[in-house]
């Protein structure tokens, strides 16, 4: 029987992406129950990932995988950073706000970071990793794929935004993909694969 792994998120795009990443593992991947809410009070992506993973593992009695990720823009002093999801009410408003704040600014360097934590009930941290992807913020959205800031983040040396990439391309280039590559060997070991 497959091990249950609860994705500590209600973000449909994120859950879908993790299901894709975890498809080769003997896991039953489920989303966090609606009645669980975790306040992200950490001061870094890794602290927030740890908080969410531990809380959801303890609440469900199952292993939990949490990620905290976000976009850090150099010209904005690293903003939105850990507040990426709370920068505005929805994806479109977040994109519009960021593009507005960057009007007339030449330095559009940015990076996406993703911290992933897997915890088991009893506050046990099983795995923690962090991945990164460097890029630039485009002048306007490009592409229909992905979610969040994907249509305005062009990956260095690819010429494509995450919004223009196919799933396998995004997995190869993305911060979450980089973090997952670091997570994979440890997860195989945990699952005795």
C-alpha atoms as a PDB file:
ATOM      1  CA  UNK A   1       0.000   0.000   0.000  1.00  0.00           C
ATOM      2  CA  UNK A   2       1.273   3.458  -0.877  1.00  0.00           C
ATOM      3  CA  UNK A   3       2.366   5.845   1.867  1.00  0.00           C
ATOM      4  CA  UNK A   4       0.057   8.849   2.247  1.00  0.00           C
ATOM      5  CA  UNK A   5       1.704  12.227   1.709  1.00  0.00           C
ATOM      6  CA  UNK A   6      -0.350  15.340   2.415  1.00  0.00           C
ATOM      7  CA  UNK A   7       0.626  18.423   0.421  1.00  0.00           C
ATOM      8  CA  UNK A   8       0.376  21.284   2.925  1.00  0.00           C
ATOM      9  CA  UNK A   9      -1.316  23.716   0.572  1.00  0.00           C
ATOM     10  CA  UNK A  10      -4.663  24.732  -0.865  1.00  0.00           C
ATOM     11  CA  UNK A  11      -3.020  26.162  -4.001  1.00  0.00           C
ATOM     12  CA  UNK A  12      -4.413  24.015  -6.834  1.00  0.00           C
ATOM     13  CA  UNK A  13      -1.519  24.833  -9.198  1.00  0.00           C
ATOM     14  CA  UNK A  14       1.092  23.914  -6.610  1.00  0.00           C
ATOM     15  CA  UNK A  15      -0.668  20.645  -5.696  1.00  0.00           C
ATOM     16  CA  UNK A  16      -0.919  19.695  -9.380  1.00  0.00           C
ATOM     17  CA  UNK A  17       2.790  20.425  -9.856  1.00  0.00           C
ATOM     18  CA  UNK A  18       3.782  18.286  -6.847  1.00  0.00           C
ATOM     19  CA  UNK A  19       1.540  15.424  -8.013  1.00  0.00           C
ATOM     20  CA  UNK A  20       3.429  15.560 -11.325  1.00  0.00           C
ATOM     21  CA  UNK A  21       6.848  15.593  -9.574  1.00  0.00           C
ATOM     22  CA  UNK A  22       5.865  12.736  -7.235  1.00  0.00           C
ATOM     23  CA  UNK A  23       4.175  10.511  -9.830  1.00  0.00           C
ATOM     24  CA  UNK A  24       7.058   7.975  -9.890  1.00  0.00           C
ATOM     25  CA  UNK A  25       6.991   7.464  -6.112  1.00  0.00           C
ATOM     26  CA  UNK A  26       4.851   4.915  -4.226  1.00  0.00           C
ATOM     27  CA  UNK A  27       2.834   7.679  -2.587  1.00  0.00           C
ATOM     28  CA  UNK A  28      -0.817   8.542  -2.321  1.00  0.00           C
ATOM     29  CA  UNK A  29      -0.592  12.320  -2.727  1.00  0.00           C
ATOM     30  CA  UNK A  30      -3.519  14.187  -1.191  1.00  0.00           C
ATOM     31  CA  UNK A  31      -4.175  17.855  -0.537  1.00  0.00           C
ATOM     32  CA  UNK A  32      -4.438  19.456   2.866  1.00  0.00           C
ATOM     33  CA  UNK A  33      -7.909  19.186   4.444  1.00  0.00           C
ATOM     34  CA  UNK A  34      -9.923  22.418   4.218  1.00  0.00           C
ATOM     35  CA  UNK A  35     -10.300  22.705   7.985  1.00  0.00           C
ATOM     36  CA  UNK A  36      -6.543  23.068   8.568  1.00  0.00           C
ATOM     37  CA  UNK A  37      -5.078  26.543   8.464  1.00  0.00           C
ATOM     38  CA  UNK A  38      -1.443  27.384   9.175  1.00  0.00           C
ATOM     39  CA  UNK A  39      -0.237  30.917   9.758  1.00  0.00           C
ATOM     40  CA  UNK A  40       3.039  31.614   7.974  1.00  0.00           C
ATOM     41  CA  UNK A  41       4.960  33.476  10.674  1.00  0.00           C
ATOM     42  CA  UNK A  42       8.469  32.444   9.597  1.00  0.00           C
ATOM     43  CA  UNK A  43      11.097  34.958   8.509  1.00  0.00           C
ATOM     44  CA  UNK A  44      12.345  32.837   5.600  1.00  0.00           C
ATOM     45  CA  UNK A  45      11.022  30.419   2.988  1.00  0.00           C
ATOM     46  CA  UNK A  46      12.533  27.455   4.888  1.00  0.00           C
ATOM     47  CA  UNK A  47      10.980  28.514   8.233  1.00  0.00           C
ATOM     48  CA  UNK A  48       7.534  28.805   6.620  1.00  0.00           C
ATOM     49  CA  UNK A  49       7.880  25.431   4.857  1.00  0.00           C
ATOM     50  CA  UNK A  50       8.859  23.806   8.163  1.00  0.00           C
ATOM     51  CA  UNK A  51       5.925  25.428  10.030  1.00  0.00           C
ATOM     52  CA  UNK A  52       3.409  24.221   7.439  1.00  0.00           C
ATOM     53  CA  UNK A  53       4.824  20.683   7.113  1.00  0.00           C
ATOM     54  CA  UNK A  54       4.951  20.088  10.877  1.00  0.00           C
ATOM     55  CA  UNK A  55       1.480  21.554  11.508  1.00  0.00           C
ATOM     56  CA  UNK A  56      -0.205  19.542   8.751  1.00  0.00           C
ATOM     57  CA  UNK A  57       1.641  16.311   9.684  1.00  0.00           C
ATOM     58  CA  UNK A  58       0.531  16.689  13.300  1.00  0.00           C
ATOM     59  CA  UNK A  59      -3.053  17.555  12.320  1.00  0.00           C
ATOM     60  CA  UNK A  60      -3.468  14.671   9.843  1.00  0.00           C
ATOM     61  CA  UNK A  61      -1.271  11.989  11.403  1.00  0.00           C
ATOM     62  CA  UNK A  62       0.423  11.508   8.011  1.00  0.00           C
ATOM     63  CA  UNK A  63       3.657  12.623   6.399  1.00  0.00           C
ATOM     64  CA  UNK A  64       3.312  16.135   5.039  1.00  0.00           C
ATOM     65  CA  UNK A  65       5.205  17.988   2.338  1.00  0.00           C
ATOM     66  CA  UNK A  66       5.184  21.767   2.433  1.00  0.00           C
ATOM     67  CA  UNK A  67       6.909  24.270   0.286  1.00  0.00           C
ATOM     68  CA  UNK A  68       7.241  27.963   0.679  1.00  0.00           C
ATOM     69  CA  UNK A  69       8.296  29.741  -2.392  1.00  0.00           C
ATOM     70  CA  UNK A  70       8.312  33.165  -3.816  1.00  0.00           C
ATOM     71  CA  UNK A  71       9.731  35.762  -6.088  1.00  0.00           C
ATOM     72  CA  UNK A  72      12.452  38.157  -4.962  1.00  0.00           C
ATOM     73  CA  UNK A  73      13.104  41.189  -7.181  1.00  0.00           C
ATOM     74  CA  UNK A  74      16.483  42.921  -6.797  1.00  0.00           C
ATOM     75  CA  UNK A  75      15.236  46.452  -7.577  1.00  0.00           C
ATOM     76  CA  UNK A  76      12.528  46.069  -4.899  1.00  0.00           C
ATOM     77  CA  UNK A  77      14.960  45.078  -2.157  1.00  0.00           C
ATOM     78  CA  UNK A  78      13.954  41.409  -2.413  1.00  0.00           C
ATOM     79  CA  UNK A  79      10.197  42.065  -2.351  1.00  0.00           C
ATOM     80  CA  UNK A  80       7.726  40.475  -2.569  1.00  0.00           C
ATOM     81  CA  UNK A  81       9.830  37.604  -1.104  1.00  0.00           C
ATOM     82  CA  UNK A  82       8.055  35.593   1.588  1.00  0.00           C
ATOM     83  CA  UNK A  83       4.982  37.774   1.004  1.00  0.00           C
ATOM     84  CA  UNK A  84       4.690  36.773  -2.694  1.00  0.00           C
ATOM     85  CA  UNK A  85       1.309  35.079  -2.269  1.00  0.00           C
ATOM     86  CA  UNK A  86      -0.011  37.936  -0.150  1.00  0.00           C
ATOM     87  CA  UNK A  87       1.241  40.773  -2.417  1.00  0.00           C
ATOM     88  CA  UNK A  88      -2.302  41.286  -3.736  1.00  0.00           C
ATOM     89  CA  UNK A  89      -5.635  39.424  -3.780  1.00  0.00           C
ATOM     90  CA  UNK A  90      -5.092  37.204  -6.839  1.00  0.00           C
ATOM     91  CA  UNK A  91      -2.524  36.280  -9.492  1.00  0.00           C
ATOM     92  CA  UNK A  92      -3.567  39.001 -11.933  1.00  0.00           C
ATOM     93  CA  UNK A  93      -3.472  41.717  -9.261  1.00  0.00           C
ATOM     94  CA  UNK A  94      -0.068  40.506  -8.039  1.00  0.00           C
ATOM     95  CA  UNK A  95       1.323  40.645 -11.588  1.00  0.00           C
ATOM     96  CA  UNK A  96      -0.160  44.101 -12.185  1.00  0.00           C
ATOM     97  CA  UNK A  97       1.237  45.462  -8.908  1.00  0.00           C
ATOM     98  CA  UNK A  98       4.725  44.124  -9.610  1.00  0.00           C
ATOM     99  CA  UNK A  99       4.780  45.507 -13.170  1.00  0.00           C
ATOM    100  CA  UNK A 100       3.560  48.881 -11.877  1.00  0.00           C
ATOM    101  CA  UNK A 101       6.298  49.007  -9.235  1.00  0.00           C
ATOM    102  CA  UNK A 102       8.954  48.210 -11.846  1.00  0.00           C
ATOM    103  CA  UNK A 103       7.855  50.840 -14.385  1.00  0.00           C
ATOM    104  CA  UNK A 104      10.865  52.844 -15.548  1.00  0.00           C
ATOM    105  CA  UNK A 105      13.351  50.565 -13.738  1.00  0.00           C
ATOM    106  CA  UNK A 106      16.081  48.980 -15.891  1.00  0.00           C
ATOM    107  CA  UNK A 107      17.307  46.382 -13.402  1.00  0.00           C
ATOM    108  CA  UNK A 108      14.662  43.663 -13.649  1.00  0.00           C
ATOM    109  CA  UNK A 109      16.764  40.843 -12.160  1.00  0.00           C
ATOM    110  CA  UNK A 110      14.821  38.469  -9.951  1.00  0.00           C
ATOM    111  CA  UNK A 111      14.913  34.963  -8.580  1.00  0.00           C
ATOM    112  CA  UNK A 112      12.386  32.402  -7.530  1.00  0.00           C
ATOM    113  CA  UNK A 113      13.221  30.415  -4.381  1.00  0.00           C
ATOM    114  CA  UNK A 114      11.526  27.283  -3.098  1.00  0.00           C
ATOM    115  CA  UNK A 115      12.081  25.619   0.252  1.00  0.00           C
ATOM    116  CA  UNK A 116      10.597  22.141   0.664  1.00  0.00           C
ATOM    117  CA  UNK A 117      10.150  20.326   3.952  1.00  0.00           C
ATOM    118  CA  UNK A 118       8.756  16.863   4.645  1.00  0.00           C
ATOM    119  CA  UNK A 119       7.681  16.205   8.224  1.00  0.00           C
ATOM    120  CA  UNK A 120       6.091  13.328  10.059  1.00  0.00           C
ATOM    121  CA  UNK A 121       3.716  13.547  13.044  1.00  0.00           C
ATOM    122  CA  UNK A 122       5.438  14.409  16.324  1.00  0.00           C
ATOM    123  CA  UNK A 123       7.345  17.430  14.960  1.00  0.00           C
ATOM    124  CA  UNK A 124       9.908  15.275  13.137  1.00  0.00           C
ATOM    125  CA  UNK A 125      11.622  16.876  10.142  1.00  0.00           C
ATOM    126  CA  UNK A 126      12.424  14.128   7.617  1.00  0.00           C
ATOM    127  CA  UNK A 127      13.874  16.232   4.780  1.00  0.00           C
ATOM    128  CA  UNK A 128      14.586  19.894   4.002  1.00  0.00           C
ATOM    129  CA  UNK A 129      15.959  21.398   0.784  1.00  0.00           C
ATOM    130  CA  UNK A 130      15.999  24.729  -1.038  1.00  0.00           C
ATOM    131  CA  UNK A 131      16.122  25.438  -4.780  1.00  0.00           C
ATOM    132  CA  UNK A 132      16.537  28.621  -6.811  1.00  0.00           C
ATOM    133  CA  UNK A 133      15.980  29.880 -10.346  1.00  0.00           C
ATOM    134  CA  UNK A 134      17.368  33.180 -11.683  1.00  0.00           C
ATOM    135  CA  UNK A 135      15.600  35.310 -14.231  1.00  0.00           C
ATOM    136  CA  UNK A 136      14.222  38.719 -15.147  1.00  0.00           C
ATOM    137  CA  UNK A 137      10.786  40.301 -14.924  1.00  0.00           C
ATOM    138  CA  UNK A 138       9.308  40.921 -18.366  1.00  0.00           C
ATOM    139  CA  UNK A 139       7.495  44.118 -19.368  1.00  0.00           C
ATOM    140  CA  UNK A 140       4.249  42.226 -19.976  1.00  0.00           C
ATOM    141  CA  UNK A 141       2.850  38.723 -19.316  1.00  0.00           C
ATOM    142  CA  UNK A 142       3.732  35.985 -21.815  1.00  0.00           C
ATOM    143  CA  UNK A 143       2.241  32.490 -21.954  1.00  0.00           C
ATOM    144  CA  UNK A 144      -0.832  30.741 -20.594  1.00  0.00           C
ATOM    145  CA  UNK A 145       0.786  27.965 -18.536  1.00  0.00           C
ATOM    146  CA  UNK A 146       1.634  27.838 -14.862  1.00  0.00           C
ATOM    147  CA  UNK A 147       0.278  30.079 -12.136  1.00  0.00           C
ATOM    148  CA  UNK A 148       1.267  33.016  -9.963  1.00  0.00           C
ATOM    149  CA  UNK A 149       4.036  35.181 -11.410  1.00  0.00           C
ATOM    150  CA  UNK A 150       4.928  32.575 -14.095  1.00  0.00           C
ATOM    151  CA  UNK A 151       3.881  34.731 -17.122  1.00  0.00           C
ATOM    152  CA  UNK A 152       6.225  37.606 -16.165  1.00  0.00           C
ATOM    153  CA  UNK A 153       9.294  35.619 -15.037  1.00  0.00           C
ATOM    154  CA  UNK A 154      11.718  34.866 -17.885  1.00  0.00           C
ATOM    155  CA  UNK A 155      14.298  32.240 -17.008  1.00  0.00           C
ATOM    156  CA  UNK A 156      17.912  33.260 -17.675  1.00  0.00           C
ATOM    157  CA  UNK A 157      19.282  31.803 -20.936  1.00  0.00           C
ATOM    158  CA  UNK A 158      15.966  30.199 -21.906  1.00  0.00           C
ATOM    159  CA  UNK A 159      14.209  33.136 -23.594  1.00  0.00           C
ATOM    160  CA  UNK A 160      10.952  31.792 -22.120  1.00  0.00           C
ATOM    161  CA  UNK A 161       8.755  32.737 -19.196  1.00  0.00           C
ATOM    162  CA  UNK A 162       7.459  29.956 -16.956  1.00  0.00           C
ATOM    163  CA  UNK A 163       4.086  30.777 -18.506  1.00  0.00           C
ATOM    164  CA  UNK A 164       5.442  29.793 -21.942  1.00  0.00           C
ATOM    165  CA  UNK A 165       7.101  26.562 -20.798  1.00  0.00           C
ATOM    166  CA  UNK A 166       5.694  23.059 -21.048  1.00  0.00           C
ATOM    167  CA  UNK A 167       5.555  20.983 -17.830  1.00  0.00           C
ATOM    168  CA  UNK A 168       8.802  19.113 -18.484  1.00  0.00           C
ATOM    169  CA  UNK A 169      10.641  22.371 -19.283  1.00  0.00           C
ATOM    170  CA  UNK A 170       9.368  24.052 -16.130  1.00  0.00           C
ATOM    171  CA  UNK A 171      10.342  21.024 -14.023  1.00  0.00           C
ATOM    172  CA  UNK A 172      13.860  21.236 -15.481  1.00  0.00           C
ATOM    173  CA  UNK A 173      14.338  24.995 -14.961  1.00  0.00           C
ATOM    174  CA  UNK A 174      12.168  25.945 -11.995  1.00  0.00           C
ATOM    175  CA  UNK A 175      13.096  26.647  -8.388  1.00  0.00           C
ATOM    176  CA  UNK A 176      10.630  23.949  -7.328  1.00  0.00           C
ATOM    177  CA  UNK A 177      12.184  21.538  -9.836  1.00  0.00           C
ATOM    178  CA  UNK A 178      15.678  22.355  -8.493  1.00  0.00           C
ATOM    179  CA  UNK A 179      14.491  21.802  -4.918  1.00  0.00           C
ATOM    180  CA  UNK A 180      12.738  18.580  -5.919  1.00  0.00           C
ATOM    181  CA  UNK A 181      15.956  17.266  -7.548  1.00  0.00           C
ATOM    182  CA  UNK A 182      17.691  17.796  -4.201  1.00  0.00           C
ATOM    183  CA  UNK A 183      14.785  16.153  -2.365  1.00  0.00           C
ATOM    184  CA  UNK A 184      14.543  13.070  -4.610  1.00  0.00           C
ATOM    185  CA  UNK A 185      17.504  11.031  -3.272  1.00  0.00           C
ATOM    186  CA  UNK A 186      16.422  11.527   0.347  1.00  0.00           C
ATOM    187  CA  UNK A 187      12.825  10.654  -0.452  1.00  0.00           C
ATOM    188  CA  UNK A 188      13.910   7.457  -2.238  1.00  0.00           C
ATOM    189  CA  UNK A 189      15.884   6.538   0.868  1.00  0.00           C
ATOM    190  CA  UNK A 190      12.918   7.247   3.185  1.00  0.00           C
ATOM    191  CA  UNK A 191      10.644   5.111   0.999  1.00  0.00           C
ATOM    192  CA  UNK A 192      13.339   2.388   0.687  1.00  0.00           C
ATOM    193  CA  UNK A 193      13.249   2.574  -3.133  1.00  0.00           C
END
